[in-house]
């Protein structure tokens, strides 16, 4: 026998805030050093032989480019799980 508030739909488990936060921190801790190493290597191999203005623009863009994926990840980390919708009683 079903309970009065049961609608027959399966409840979907959502990831908890703490779990989401720890996954995000781990991903940032992995992503940022790898990004820095790649940006430094590209700069050392290809950009250092170019003019100072181009070097400045490259390092300016490369210095801020990591923030876009980091912001998306932080936004995902801060997402609060939605509470379960109110159950409607059906006769």
PDB file of N, CA and C in Angstrom:
ATOM      1  N   UNK A   1       0.841  -1.177   0.000  1.00  0.00           N
ATOM      2  CA  UNK A   1       0.000   0.000   0.000  1.00  0.00           C
ATOM      3  C   UNK A   1       0.891   1.248   0.000  1.00  0.00           C
ATOM      4  N   UNK A   2       0.479   2.205  -0.773  1.00  0.00           N
ATOM      5  CA  UNK A   2       1.253   3.430  -0.879  1.00  0.00           C
ATOM      6  C   UNK A   2       0.822   4.422   0.194  1.00  0.00           C
ATOM      7  N   UNK A   3       1.783   5.248   0.584  1.00  0.00           N
ATOM      8  CA  UNK A   3       1.451   6.281   1.553  1.00  0.00           C
ATOM      9  C   UNK A   3       0.630   7.363   0.861  1.00  0.00           C
ATOM     10  N   UNK A   4      -0.160   8.134   1.608  1.00  0.00           N
ATOM     11  CA  UNK A   4      -1.038   9.128   0.991  1.00  0.00           C
ATOM     12  C   UNK A   4      -0.303  10.178   0.158  1.00  0.00           C
ATOM     13  N   UNK A   5       0.898  10.525   0.527  1.00  0.00           N
ATOM     14  CA  UNK A   5       1.621  11.568  -0.199  1.00  0.00           C
ATOM     15  C   UNK A   5       2.473  11.045  -1.338  1.00  0.00           C
ATOM     16  N   UNK A   6       2.437   9.729  -1.570  1.00  0.00           N
ATOM     17  CA  UNK A   6       3.286   9.109  -2.585  1.00  0.00           C
ATOM     18  C   UNK A   6       2.700   9.362  -3.970  1.00  0.00           C
ATOM     19  N   UNK A   7       3.510   9.883  -4.884  1.00  0.00           N
ATOM     20  CA  UNK A   7       3.032  10.196  -6.232  1.00  0.00           C
ATOM     21  C   UNK A   7       3.450   9.159  -7.249  1.00  0.00           C
ATOM     22  N   UNK A   8       4.254   8.175  -6.858  1.00  0.00           N
ATOM     23  CA  UNK A   8       4.686   7.157  -7.792  1.00  0.00           C
ATOM     24  C   UNK A   8       5.998   7.500  -8.484  1.00  0.00           C
ATOM     25  N   UNK A   9       6.457   8.716  -8.331  1.00  0.00           N
ATOM     26  CA  UNK A   9       7.731   9.114  -8.940  1.00  0.00           C
ATOM     27  C   UNK A   9       8.870   8.768  -8.015  1.00  0.00           C
ATOM     28  N   UNK A  10       9.987   8.402  -8.627  1.00  0.00           N
ATOM     29  CA  UNK A  10      11.176   8.126  -7.826  1.00  0.00           C
ATOM     30  C   UNK A  10      11.833   9.447  -7.449  1.00  0.00           C
ATOM     31  N   UNK A  11      12.321   9.505  -6.223  1.00  0.00           N
ATOM     32  CA  UNK A  11      13.034  10.703  -5.779  1.00  0.00           C
ATOM     33  C   UNK A  11      14.447  10.643  -6.317  1.00  0.00           C
ATOM     34  N   UNK A  12      14.880  11.726  -6.876  1.00  0.00           N
ATOM     35  CA  UNK A  12      16.228  11.808  -7.410  1.00  0.00           C
ATOM     36  C   UNK A  12      17.149  12.340  -6.328  1.00  0.00           C
ATOM     37  N   UNK A  13      18.230  11.624  -6.083  1.00  0.00           N
ATOM     38  CA  UNK A  13      19.174  12.091  -5.073  1.00  0.00           C
ATOM     39  C   UNK A  13      20.012  13.207  -5.674  1.00  0.00           C
ATOM     40  N   UNK A  14      20.200  14.255  -4.906  1.00  0.00           N
ATOM     41  CA  UNK A  14      21.051  15.350  -5.347  1.00  0.00           C
ATOM     42  C   UNK A  14      22.337  15.338  -4.539  1.00  0.00           C
ATOM     43  N   UNK A  15      23.358  15.883  -5.149  1.00  0.00           N
ATOM     44  CA  UNK A  15      24.647  15.946  -4.473  1.00  0.00           C
ATOM     45  C   UNK A  15      24.568  16.992  -3.369  1.00  0.00           C
ATOM     46  N   UNK A  16      25.068  16.653  -2.219  1.00  0.00           N
ATOM     47  CA  UNK A  16      25.043  17.569  -1.094  1.00  0.00           C
ATOM     48  C   UNK A  16      26.021  18.717  -1.262  1.00  0.00           C
ATOM     49  N   UNK A  17      25.786  19.763  -0.498  1.00  0.00           N
ATOM     50  CA  UNK A  17      26.628  20.956  -0.586  1.00  0.00           C
ATOM     51  C   UNK A  17      28.080  20.636  -0.237  1.00  0.00           C
ATOM     52  N   UNK A  18      28.309  19.874   0.814  1.00  0.00           N
ATOM     53  CA  UNK A  18      29.686  19.559   1.225  1.00  0.00           C
ATOM     54  C   UNK A  18      30.409  18.729   0.175  1.00  0.00           C
ATOM     55  N   UNK A  19      29.742  17.757  -0.374  1.00  0.00           N
ATOM     56  CA  UNK A  19      30.353  16.923  -1.412  1.00  0.00           C
ATOM     57  C   UNK A  19      30.710  17.768  -2.626  1.00  0.00           C
ATOM     58  N   UNK A  20      29.779  18.604  -3.036  1.00  0.00           N
ATOM     59  CA  UNK A  20      30.007  19.482  -4.187  1.00  0.00           C
ATOM     60  C   UNK A  20      31.192  20.414  -3.925  1.00  0.00           C
ATOM     61  N   UNK A  21      31.286  20.921  -2.709  1.00  0.00           N
ATOM     62  CA  UNK A  21      32.382  21.825  -2.351  1.00  0.00           C
ATOM     63  C   UNK A  21      33.729  21.115  -2.405  1.00  0.00           C
ATOM     64  N   UNK A  22      33.800  19.904  -1.853  1.00  0.00           N
ATOM     65  CA  UNK A  22      35.071  19.171  -1.857  1.00  0.00           C
ATOM     66  C   UNK A  22      35.491  18.768  -3.267  1.00  0.00           C
ATOM     67  N   UNK A  23      34.545  18.387  -4.098  1.00  0.00           N
ATOM     68  CA  UNK A  23      34.872  18.062  -5.495  1.00  0.00           C
ATOM     69  C   UNK A  23      35.395  19.303  -6.208  1.00  0.00           C
ATOM     70  N   UNK A  24      34.747  20.443  -5.980  1.00  0.00           N
ATOM     71  CA  UNK A  24      35.179  21.686  -6.600  1.00  0.00           C
ATOM     72  C   UNK A  24      36.560  22.122  -6.152  1.00  0.00           C
ATOM     73  N   UNK A  25      36.833  21.983  -4.870  1.00  0.00           N
ATOM     74  CA  UNK A  25      38.158  22.354  -4.354  1.00  0.00           C
ATOM     75  C   UNK A  25      39.236  21.460  -4.964  1.00  0.00           C
ATOM     76  N   UNK A  26      38.952  20.177  -5.061  1.00  0.00           N
ATOM     77  CA  UNK A  26      39.921  19.251  -5.664  1.00  0.00           C
ATOM     78  C   UNK A  26      40.146  19.583  -7.131  1.00  0.00           C
ATOM     79  N   UNK A  27      39.077  19.897  -7.843  1.00  0.00           N
ATOM     80  CA  UNK A  27      39.221  20.243  -9.257  1.00  0.00           C
ATOM     81  C   UNK A  27      40.011  21.529  -9.444  1.00  0.00           C
ATOM     82  N   UNK A  28      39.770  22.519  -8.593  1.00  0.00           N
ATOM     83  CA  UNK A  28      40.553  23.758  -8.667  1.00  0.00           C
ATOM     84  C   UNK A  28      42.013  23.505  -8.334  1.00  0.00           C
ATOM     85  N   UNK A  29      42.253  22.674  -7.324  1.00  0.00           N
ATOM     86  CA  UNK A  29      43.633  22.376  -6.925  1.00  0.00           C
ATOM     87  C   UNK A  29      44.388  21.638  -8.029  1.00  0.00           C
ATOM     88  N   UNK A  30      43.685  20.915  -8.863  1.00  0.00           N
ATOM     89  CA  UNK A  30      44.325  20.232  -9.985  1.00  0.00           C
ATOM     90  C   UNK A  30      44.427  21.160 -11.198  1.00  0.00           C
ATOM     91  N   UNK A  31      43.346  21.884 -11.495  1.00  0.00           N
ATOM     92  CA  UNK A  31      43.282  22.705 -12.698  1.00  0.00           C
ATOM     93  C   UNK A  31      44.264  23.875 -12.691  1.00  0.00           C
ATOM     94  N   UNK A  32      44.312  24.624 -11.606  1.00  0.00           N
ATOM     95  CA  UNK A  32      45.119  25.861 -11.585  1.00  0.00           C
ATOM     96  C   UNK A  32      46.608  25.585 -11.799  1.00  0.00           C
ATOM     97  N   UNK A  33      47.235  24.652 -11.087  1.00  0.00           N
ATOM     98  CA  UNK A  33      48.662  24.411 -11.362  1.00  0.00           C
ATOM     99  C   UNK A  33      48.934  23.910 -12.788  1.00  0.00           C
ATOM    100  N   UNK A  34      48.054  23.059 -13.309  1.00  0.00           N
ATOM    101  CA  UNK A  34      48.240  22.586 -14.685  1.00  0.00           C
ATOM    102  C   UNK A  34      48.114  23.742 -15.662  1.00  0.00           C
ATOM    103  N   UNK A  35      47.116  24.602 -15.450  1.00  0.00           N
ATOM    104  CA  UNK A  35      46.936  25.772 -16.313  1.00  0.00           C
ATOM    105  C   UNK A  35      48.166  26.677 -16.257  1.00  0.00           C
ATOM    106  N   UNK A  36      48.677  26.923 -15.067  1.00  0.00           N
ATOM    107  CA  UNK A  36      49.841  27.795 -14.900  1.00  0.00           C
ATOM    108  C   UNK A  36      51.050  27.221 -15.640  1.00  0.00           C
ATOM    109  N   UNK A  37      51.274  25.922 -15.493  1.00  0.00           N
ATOM    110  CA  UNK A  37      52.414  25.300 -16.183  1.00  0.00           C
ATOM    111  C   UNK A  37      52.279  25.397 -17.700  1.00  0.00           C
ATOM    112  N   UNK A  38      51.085  25.161 -18.212  1.00  0.00           N
ATOM    113  CA  UNK A  38      50.876  25.261 -19.657  1.00  0.00           C
ATOM    114  C   UNK A  38      51.053  26.697 -20.133  1.00  0.00           C
ATOM    115  N   UNK A  39      50.487  27.651 -19.410  1.00  0.00           N
ATOM    116  CA  UNK A  39      50.612  29.057 -19.802  1.00  0.00           C
ATOM    117  C   UNK A  39      52.070  29.512 -19.757  1.00  0.00           C
ATOM    118  N   UNK A  40      52.810  29.066 -18.753  1.00  0.00           N
ATOM    119  CA  UNK A  40      54.238  29.425 -18.666  1.00  0.00           C
ATOM    120  C   UNK A  40      55.026  28.797 -19.812  1.00  0.00           C
ATOM    121  N   UNK A  41      54.741  27.560 -20.128  1.00  0.00           N
ATOM    122  CA  UNK A  41      55.453  26.878 -21.214  1.00  0.00           C
ATOM    123  C   UNK A  41      55.176  27.533 -22.560  1.00  0.00           C
ATOM    124  N   UNK A  42      53.925  27.856 -22.814  1.00  0.00           N
ATOM    125  CA  UNK A  42      53.583  28.556 -24.067  1.00  0.00           C
ATOM    126  C   UNK A  42      54.284  29.903 -24.108  1.00  0.00           C
ATOM    127  N   UNK A  43      54.267  30.611 -23.000  1.00  0.00           N
ATOM    128  CA  UNK A  43      54.945  31.901 -22.954  1.00  0.00           C
ATOM    129  C   UNK A  43      56.436  31.785 -23.183  1.00  0.00           C
ATOM    130  N   UNK A  44      57.067  30.805 -22.571  1.00  0.00           N
ATOM    131  CA  UNK A  44      58.515  30.640 -22.704  1.00  0.00           C
ATOM    132  C   UNK A  44      58.906  30.200 -24.116  1.00  0.00           C
ATOM    133  N   UNK A  45      58.106  29.325 -24.718  1.00  0.00           N
ATOM    134  CA  UNK A  45      58.466  28.811 -26.044  1.00  0.00           C
ATOM    135  C   UNK A  45      58.134  29.756 -27.177  1.00  0.00           C
ATOM    136  N   UNK A  46      56.964  30.370 -27.127  1.00  0.00           N
ATOM    137  CA  UNK A  46      56.479  31.106 -28.291  1.00  0.00           C
ATOM    138  C   UNK A  46      56.401  32.615 -28.106  1.00  0.00           C
ATOM    139  N   UNK A  47      56.191  33.076 -26.908  1.00  0.00           N
ATOM    140  CA  UNK A  47      55.899  34.494 -26.694  1.00  0.00           C
ATOM    141  C   UNK A  47      57.146  35.293 -26.345  1.00  0.00           C
ATOM    142  N   UNK A  48      58.127  34.709 -25.674  1.00  0.00           N
ATOM    143  CA  UNK A  48      59.298  35.462 -25.227  1.00  0.00           C
ATOM    144  C   UNK A  48      60.120  36.045 -26.369  1.00  0.00           C
ATOM    145  N   UNK A  49      60.037  35.467 -27.549  1.00  0.00           N
ATOM    146  CA  UNK A  49      60.815  35.984 -28.680  1.00  0.00           C
ATOM    147  C   UNK A  49      60.096  37.127 -29.393  1.00  0.00           C
ATOM    148  N   UNK A  50      58.862  37.411 -29.012  1.00  0.00           N
ATOM    149  CA  UNK A  50      58.093  38.479 -29.656  1.00  0.00           C
ATOM    150  C   UNK A  50      58.303  39.802 -28.926  1.00  0.00           C
ATOM    151  N   UNK A  51      57.693  40.851 -29.445  1.00  0.00           N
ATOM    152  CA  UNK A  51      57.884  42.190 -28.865  1.00  0.00           C
ATOM    153  C   UNK A  51      57.286  42.278 -27.461  1.00  0.00           C
ATOM    154  N   UNK A  52      57.706  43.280 -26.736  1.00  0.00           N
ATOM    155  CA  UNK A  52      57.259  43.486 -25.360  1.00  0.00           C
ATOM    156  C   UNK A  52      55.764  43.716 -25.255  1.00  0.00           C
ATOM    157  N   UNK A  53      55.183  44.410 -26.247  1.00  0.00           N
ATOM    158  CA  UNK A  53      53.743  44.683 -26.214  1.00  0.00           C
ATOM    159  C   UNK A  53      52.953  43.387 -26.358  1.00  0.00           C
ATOM    160  N   UNK A  54      53.393  42.502 -27.244  1.00  0.00           N
ATOM    161  CA  UNK A  54      52.701  41.225 -27.430  1.00  0.00           C
ATOM    162  C   UNK A  54      52.866  40.355 -26.184  1.00  0.00           C
ATOM    163  N   UNK A  55      54.049  40.377 -25.591  1.00  0.00           N
ATOM    164  CA  UNK A  55      54.265  39.627 -24.348  1.00  0.00           C
ATOM    165  C   UNK A  55      53.331  40.125 -23.253  1.00  0.00           C
ATOM    166  N   UNK A  56      53.213  41.432 -23.151  1.00  0.00           N
ATOM    167  CA  UNK A  56      52.345  42.027 -22.136  1.00  0.00           C
ATOM    168  C   UNK A  56      50.904  41.568 -22.331  1.00  0.00           C
ATOM    169  N   UNK A  57      50.419  41.628 -23.575  1.00  0.00           N
ATOM    170  CA  UNK A  57      49.038  41.234 -23.851  1.00  0.00           C
ATOM    171  C   UNK A  57      48.840  39.743 -23.553  1.00  0.00           C
ATOM    172  N   UNK A  58      49.805  38.912 -23.972  1.00  0.00           N
ATOM    173  CA  UNK A  58      49.674  37.474 -23.714  1.00  0.00           C
ATOM    174  C   UNK A  58      49.601  37.196 -22.216  1.00  0.00           C
ATOM    175  N   UNK A  59      50.537  37.738 -21.459  1.00  0.00           N
ATOM    176  CA  UNK A  59      50.554  37.446 -20.022  1.00  0.00           C
ATOM    177  C   UNK A  59      49.359  38.069 -19.300  1.00  0.00           C
ATOM    178  N   UNK A  60      48.850  39.169 -19.821  1.00  0.00           N
ATOM    179  CA  UNK A  60      47.643  39.759 -19.241  1.00  0.00           C
ATOM    180  C   UNK A  60      46.444  38.852 -19.477  1.00  0.00           C
ATOM    181  N   UNK A  61      46.287  38.395 -20.707  1.00  0.00           N
ATOM    182  CA  UNK A  61      45.166  37.507 -21.033  1.00  0.00           C
ATOM    183  C   UNK A  61      45.328  36.165 -20.318  1.00  0.00           C
ATOM    184  N   UNK A  62      46.526  35.587 -20.369  1.00  0.00           N
ATOM    185  CA  UNK A  62      46.761  34.290 -19.721  1.00  0.00           C
ATOM    186  C   UNK A  62      46.590  34.391 -18.204  1.00  0.00           C
ATOM    187  N   UNK A  63      46.923  35.521 -17.641  1.00  0.00           N
ATOM    188  CA  UNK A  63      46.783  35.701 -16.201  1.00  0.00           C
ATOM    189  C   UNK A  63      45.347  35.755 -15.735  1.00  0.00           C
ATOM    190  N   UNK A  64      44.451  36.208 -16.607  1.00  0.00           N
ATOM    191  CA  UNK A  64      43.039  36.294 -16.232  1.00  0.00           C
ATOM    192  C   UNK A  64      42.190  35.173 -16.814  1.00  0.00           C
ATOM    193  N   UNK A  65      42.677  34.459 -17.814  1.00  0.00           N
ATOM    194  CA  UNK A  65      41.865  33.451 -18.511  1.00  0.00           C
ATOM    195  C   UNK A  65      41.443  32.303 -17.597  1.00  0.00           C
ATOM    196  N   UNK A  66      42.246  31.961 -16.618  1.00  0.00           N
ATOM    197  CA  UNK A  66      41.898  30.853 -15.732  1.00  0.00           C
ATOM    198  C   UNK A  66      40.693  31.173 -14.866  1.00  0.00           C
ATOM    199  N   UNK A  67      40.392  32.457 -14.704  1.00  0.00           N
ATOM    200  CA  UNK A  67      39.290  32.822 -13.815  1.00  0.00           C
ATOM    201  C   UNK A  67      37.929  32.439 -14.386  1.00  0.00           C
ATOM    202  N   UNK A  68      37.796  32.361 -15.722  1.00  0.00           N
ATOM    203  CA  UNK A  68      36.491  32.011 -16.303  1.00  0.00           C
ATOM    204  C   UNK A  68      36.070  30.590 -15.939  1.00  0.00           C
ATOM    205  N   UNK A  69      36.916  29.565 -16.188  1.00  0.00           N
ATOM    206  CA  UNK A  69      36.491  28.237 -15.740  1.00  0.00           C
ATOM    207  C   UNK A  69      36.394  28.132 -14.212  1.00  0.00           C
ATOM    208  N   UNK A  70      37.246  28.849 -13.502  1.00  0.00           N
ATOM    209  CA  UNK A  70      37.187  28.809 -12.035  1.00  0.00           C
ATOM    210  C   UNK A  70      35.878  29.421 -11.531  1.00  0.00           C
ATOM    211  N   UNK A  71      35.424  30.494 -12.162  1.00  0.00           N
ATOM    212  CA  UNK A  71      34.156  31.108 -11.750  1.00  0.00           C
ATOM    213  C   UNK A  71      32.982  30.167 -12.002  1.00  0.00           C
ATOM    214  N   UNK A  72      33.001  29.475 -13.147  1.00  0.00           N
ATOM    215  CA  UNK A  72      31.927  28.523 -13.431  1.00  0.00           C
ATOM    216  C   UNK A  72      31.934  27.385 -12.412  1.00  0.00           C
ATOM    217  N   UNK A  73      33.132  26.934 -12.056  1.00  0.00           N
ATOM    218  CA  UNK A  73      33.251  25.856 -11.081  1.00  0.00           C
ATOM    219  C   UNK A  73      32.784  26.318  -9.699  1.00  0.00           C
ATOM    220  N   UNK A  74      33.151  27.514  -9.312  1.00  0.00           N
ATOM    221  CA  UNK A  74      32.732  28.043  -8.010  1.00  0.00           C
ATOM    222  C   UNK A  74      31.221  28.257  -7.983  1.00  0.00           C
ATOM    223  N   UNK A  75      30.671  28.707  -9.097  1.00  0.00           N
ATOM    224  CA  UNK A  75      29.216  28.874  -9.171  1.00  0.00           C
ATOM    225  C   UNK A  75      28.528  27.519  -8.993  1.00  0.00           C
ATOM    226  N   UNK A  76      29.084  26.475  -9.626  1.00  0.00           N
ATOM    227  CA  UNK A  76      28.540  25.131  -9.472  1.00  0.00           C
ATOM    228  C   UNK A  76      28.682  24.650  -8.029  1.00  0.00           C
ATOM    229  N   UNK A  77      29.832  24.959  -7.412  1.00  0.00           N
ATOM    230  CA  UNK A  77      30.074  24.534  -6.033  1.00  0.00           C
ATOM    231  C   UNK A  77      29.074  25.159  -5.065  1.00  0.00           C
ATOM    232  N   UNK A  78      28.699  26.394  -5.306  1.00  0.00           N
ATOM    233  CA  UNK A  78      27.837  27.112  -4.377  1.00  0.00           C
ATOM    234  C   UNK A  78      26.355  26.826  -4.588  1.00  0.00           C
ATOM    235  N   UNK A  79      26.034  26.055  -5.617  1.00  0.00           N
ATOM    236  CA  UNK A  79      24.639  25.743  -5.891  1.00  0.00           C
ATOM    237  C   UNK A  79      24.071  24.941  -4.733  1.00  0.00           C
ATOM    238  N   UNK A  80      22.986  25.429  -4.187  1.00  0.00           N
ATOM    239  CA  UNK A  80      22.347  24.777  -3.050  1.00  0.00           C
ATOM    240  C   UNK A  80      21.318  23.798  -3.595  1.00  0.00           C
ATOM    241  N   UNK A  81      21.312  22.581  -3.098  1.00  0.00           N
ATOM    242  CA  UNK A  81      20.311  21.629  -3.578  1.00  0.00           C
ATOM    243  C   UNK A  81      18.904  22.126  -3.303  1.00  0.00           C
ATOM    244  N   UNK A  82      18.044  21.945  -4.269  1.00  0.00           N
ATOM    245  CA  UNK A  82      16.658  22.370  -4.100  1.00  0.00           C
ATOM    246  C   UNK A  82      15.943  21.450  -3.125  1.00  0.00           C
ATOM    247  N   UNK A  83      15.092  22.023  -2.296  1.00  0.00           N
ATOM    248  CA  UNK A  83      14.315  21.153  -1.403  1.00  0.00           C
ATOM    249  C   UNK A  83      13.317  20.348  -2.233  1.00  0.00           C
ATOM    250  N   UNK A  84      12.889  19.255  -1.691  1.00  0.00           N
ATOM    251  CA  UNK A  84      11.899  18.442  -2.400  1.00  0.00           C
ATOM    252  C   UNK A  84      10.616  19.251  -2.589  1.00  0.00           C
ATOM    253  N   UNK A  85      10.007  19.146  -3.769  1.00  0.00           N
ATOM    254  CA  UNK A  85       8.767  19.888  -3.971  1.00  0.00           C
ATOM    255  C   UNK A  85       7.671  19.335  -3.066  1.00  0.00           C
ATOM    256  N   UNK A  86       6.728  20.182  -2.708  1.00  0.00           N
ATOM    257  CA  UNK A  86       5.656  19.698  -1.833  1.00  0.00           C
ATOM    258  C   UNK A  86       4.868  18.592  -2.530  1.00  0.00           C
ATOM    259  N   UNK A  87       4.529  17.575  -1.781  1.00  0.00           N
ATOM    260  CA  UNK A  87       3.779  16.462  -2.322  1.00  0.00           C
ATOM    261  C   UNK A  87       2.295  16.802  -2.345  1.00  0.00           C
ATOM    262  N   UNK A  88       1.676  16.531  -3.469  1.00  0.00           N
ATOM    263  CA  UNK A  88       0.251  16.780  -3.561  1.00  0.00           C
ATOM    264  C   UNK A  88      -0.493  15.497  -3.200  1.00  0.00           C
ATOM    265  N   UNK A  89      -1.591  15.661  -2.553  1.00  0.00           N
ATOM    266  CA  UNK A  89      -2.393  14.506  -2.148  1.00  0.00           C
ATOM    267  C   UNK A  89      -3.360  14.191  -3.275  1.00  0.00           C
ATOM    268  N   UNK A  90      -3.326  12.926  -3.718  1.00  0.00           N
ATOM    269  CA  UNK A  90      -4.250  12.489  -4.777  1.00  0.00           C
ATOM    270  C   UNK A  90      -5.193  11.438  -4.201  1.00  0.00           C
ATOM    271  N   UNK A  91      -6.435  11.536  -4.623  1.00  0.00           N
ATOM    272  CA  UNK A  91      -7.445  10.581  -4.189  1.00  0.00           C
ATOM    273  C   UNK A  91      -7.492   9.402  -5.120  1.00  0.00           C
TER     274      UNK A  91
END
